[in-house]
Amino acid sequence: MAGKKSKHSENLIGLRCTACKRRNYYSSKNKKKVERKIELKKFCEWCRKHTSHKEVKV
């Protein structure tokens, strides 16, 4: 049985490391409030350092 669709405008996104291109984190984003792509500095366990992570589709 398929899950119900959410009434909210939040969508699941992935955060990809800009150095090694691996998808390390998942988060939700309210598309009505935030129109631009998210870019955060997070720890990449593959690079073993803090790098910039950009939003990608899941």
N, C-alpha and C. Protein backbone atom coordinates (compact mmCIF):
# COMPACT_ATOMS: atom_id res chain seq x y z
N MET A 1 0.83 -1.17 0.00
CA MET A 1 0.00 0.00 0.00
C MET A 1 0.89 1.25 0.00
N ALA A 2 0.60 2.15 -0.87
CA ALA A 2 1.41 3.37 -1.00
C ALA A 2 1.09 4.34 0.13
N GLY A 3 2.09 5.14 0.51
CA GLY A 3 1.91 6.13 1.57
C GLY A 3 1.08 7.30 1.08
N LYS A 4 0.49 8.02 2.03
CA LYS A 4 -0.32 9.18 1.68
C LYS A 4 0.57 10.34 1.27
N LYS A 5 0.07 11.16 0.38
CA LYS A 5 0.81 12.36 -0.01
C LYS A 5 0.65 13.42 1.07
N SER A 6 1.71 14.12 1.32
CA SER A 6 1.72 15.16 2.34
C SER A 6 1.01 16.41 1.83
N LYS A 7 0.33 17.10 2.71
CA LYS A 7 -0.33 18.36 2.35
C LYS A 7 0.66 19.52 2.42
N HIS A 8 1.81 19.27 3.01
CA HIS A 8 2.81 20.32 3.18
C HIS A 8 3.62 20.50 1.90
N SER A 9 4.26 21.65 1.80
CA SER A 9 5.06 21.93 0.61
C SER A 9 6.53 21.60 0.85
N GLU A 10 6.82 20.80 1.88
CA GLU A 10 8.21 20.42 2.15
C GLU A 10 8.57 19.18 1.34
N ASN A 11 9.71 19.24 0.71
CA ASN A 11 10.18 18.12 -0.10
C ASN A 11 11.52 17.65 0.42
N LEU A 12 11.78 16.35 0.26
CA LEU A 12 13.04 15.77 0.68
C LEU A 12 14.12 16.12 -0.34
N ILE A 13 15.27 16.56 0.16
CA ILE A 13 16.40 16.90 -0.71
C ILE A 13 17.64 16.18 -0.18
N GLY A 14 18.63 16.04 -1.03
CA GLY A 14 19.92 15.48 -0.63
C GLY A 14 20.96 16.58 -0.66
N LEU A 15 21.98 16.45 0.18
CA LEU A 15 23.10 17.38 0.18
C LEU A 15 24.34 16.63 -0.27
N ARG A 16 24.94 17.10 -1.38
CA ARG A 16 26.08 16.42 -2.00
C ARG A 16 27.35 17.21 -1.77
N CYS A 17 28.41 16.50 -1.42
CA CYS A 17 29.73 17.11 -1.21
C CYS A 17 30.25 17.63 -2.55
N THR A 18 30.78 18.85 -2.56
CA THR A 18 31.29 19.43 -3.80
C THR A 18 32.66 18.87 -4.16
N ALA A 19 33.37 18.30 -3.18
CA ALA A 19 34.71 17.76 -3.45
C ALA A 19 34.65 16.35 -4.03
N CYS A 20 33.96 15.43 -3.35
CA CYS A 20 33.95 14.03 -3.79
C CYS A 20 32.66 13.62 -4.49
N LYS A 21 31.65 14.50 -4.53
CA LYS A 21 30.38 14.28 -5.23
C LYS A 21 29.52 13.17 -4.62
N ARG A 22 29.75 12.82 -3.35
CA ARG A 22 28.93 11.81 -2.68
C ARG A 22 27.78 12.50 -1.94
N ARG A 23 26.62 11.84 -1.93
CA ARG A 23 25.45 12.36 -1.23
C ARG A 23 25.52 11.88 0.22
N ASN A 24 25.81 12.78 1.15
CA ASN A 24 26.06 12.42 2.55
C ASN A 24 24.90 12.72 3.48
N TYR A 25 24.09 13.71 3.18
CA TYR A 25 23.04 14.15 4.09
C TYR A 25 21.71 14.27 3.35
N TYR A 26 20.62 14.10 4.11
CA TYR A 26 19.27 14.29 3.59
C TYR A 26 18.56 15.26 4.51
N SER A 27 17.72 16.11 3.93
CA SER A 27 17.00 17.11 4.71
C SER A 27 15.70 17.43 3.98
N SER A 28 14.85 18.21 4.62
CA SER A 28 13.63 18.67 3.96
C SER A 28 13.71 20.17 3.77
N LYS A 29 13.01 20.65 2.76
CA LYS A 29 13.06 22.07 2.43
C LYS A 29 11.66 22.53 2.07
N ASN A 30 11.23 23.65 2.62
CA ASN A 30 9.94 24.24 2.28
C ASN A 30 10.14 25.05 1.00
N LYS A 31 9.60 24.55 -0.11
CA LYS A 31 9.84 25.19 -1.41
C LYS A 31 9.09 26.51 -1.57
N LYS A 32 8.07 26.76 -0.77
CA LYS A 32 7.36 28.03 -0.85
C LYS A 32 8.16 29.15 -0.20
N LYS A 33 8.89 28.83 0.86
CA LYS A 33 9.65 29.86 1.58
C LYS A 33 11.06 30.04 1.05
N VAL A 34 11.70 28.95 0.62
CA VAL A 34 13.09 28.99 0.15
C VAL A 34 13.11 28.60 -1.33
N GLU A 35 13.36 29.56 -2.20
CA GLU A 35 13.34 29.29 -3.63
C GLU A 35 14.71 28.93 -4.19
N ARG A 36 15.77 29.42 -3.56
CA ARG A 36 17.11 29.15 -4.09
C ARG A 36 17.62 27.82 -3.57
N LYS A 37 18.70 27.32 -4.17
CA LYS A 37 19.29 26.05 -3.74
C LYS A 37 20.09 26.26 -2.45
N ILE A 38 20.02 25.27 -1.58
CA ILE A 38 20.71 25.33 -0.29
C ILE A 38 22.16 24.92 -0.47
N GLU A 39 23.06 25.66 0.20
CA GLU A 39 24.48 25.29 0.24
C GLU A 39 24.97 25.46 1.67
N LEU A 40 25.43 24.36 2.28
CA LEU A 40 25.87 24.37 3.67
C LEU A 40 27.27 23.80 3.78
N LYS A 41 27.99 24.21 4.82
CA LYS A 41 29.29 23.60 5.13
C LYS A 41 29.05 22.49 6.12
N LYS A 42 29.32 21.25 5.71
CA LYS A 42 29.10 20.07 6.55
C LYS A 42 30.34 19.20 6.52
N PHE A 43 30.42 18.26 7.47
CA PHE A 43 31.54 17.32 7.52
C PHE A 43 31.27 16.17 6.56
N CYS A 44 32.22 15.90 5.67
CA CYS A 44 32.13 14.78 4.73
C CYS A 44 32.96 13.63 5.29
N GLU A 45 32.32 12.50 5.57
CA GLU A 45 33.05 11.36 6.15
C GLU A 45 33.95 10.68 5.13
N TRP A 46 33.75 10.92 3.85
CA TRP A 46 34.61 10.32 2.82
C TRP A 46 35.86 11.15 2.61
N CYS A 47 35.73 12.48 2.64
CA CYS A 47 36.88 13.38 2.51
C CYS A 47 37.58 13.58 3.85
N ARG A 48 36.89 13.30 4.95
CA ARG A 48 37.37 13.47 6.32
C ARG A 48 37.69 14.94 6.63
N LYS A 49 36.86 15.87 6.11
CA LYS A 49 37.02 17.29 6.41
C LYS A 49 35.71 18.02 6.15
N HIS A 50 35.63 19.27 6.59
CA HIS A 50 34.45 20.08 6.35
C HIS A 50 34.52 20.64 4.92
N THR A 51 33.47 20.39 4.16
CA THR A 51 33.41 20.88 2.79
C THR A 51 32.03 21.49 2.54
N SER A 52 31.89 22.15 1.43
CA SER A 52 30.62 22.72 1.03
C SER A 52 29.74 21.61 0.46
N HIS A 53 28.47 21.58 0.87
CA HIS A 53 27.50 20.60 0.38
C HIS A 53 26.37 21.36 -0.30
N LYS A 54 26.02 20.97 -1.54
CA LYS A 54 24.96 21.63 -2.29
C LYS A 54 23.75 20.72 -2.42
N GLU A 55 22.61 21.35 -2.60
CA GLU A 55 21.34 20.63 -2.72
C GLU A 55 21.23 19.89 -4.05
N VAL A 56 20.74 18.65 -4.00
CA VAL A 56 20.45 17.86 -5.20
C VAL A 56 19.12 17.15 -4.99
N LYS A 57 18.50 16.71 -6.08
CA LYS A 57 17.26 15.96 -5.99
C LYS A 57 17.52 14.56 -5.46
N VAL A 58 16.54 14.01 -4.75
CA VAL A 58 16.67 12.65 -4.21
C VAL A 58 16.15 11.66 -5.21
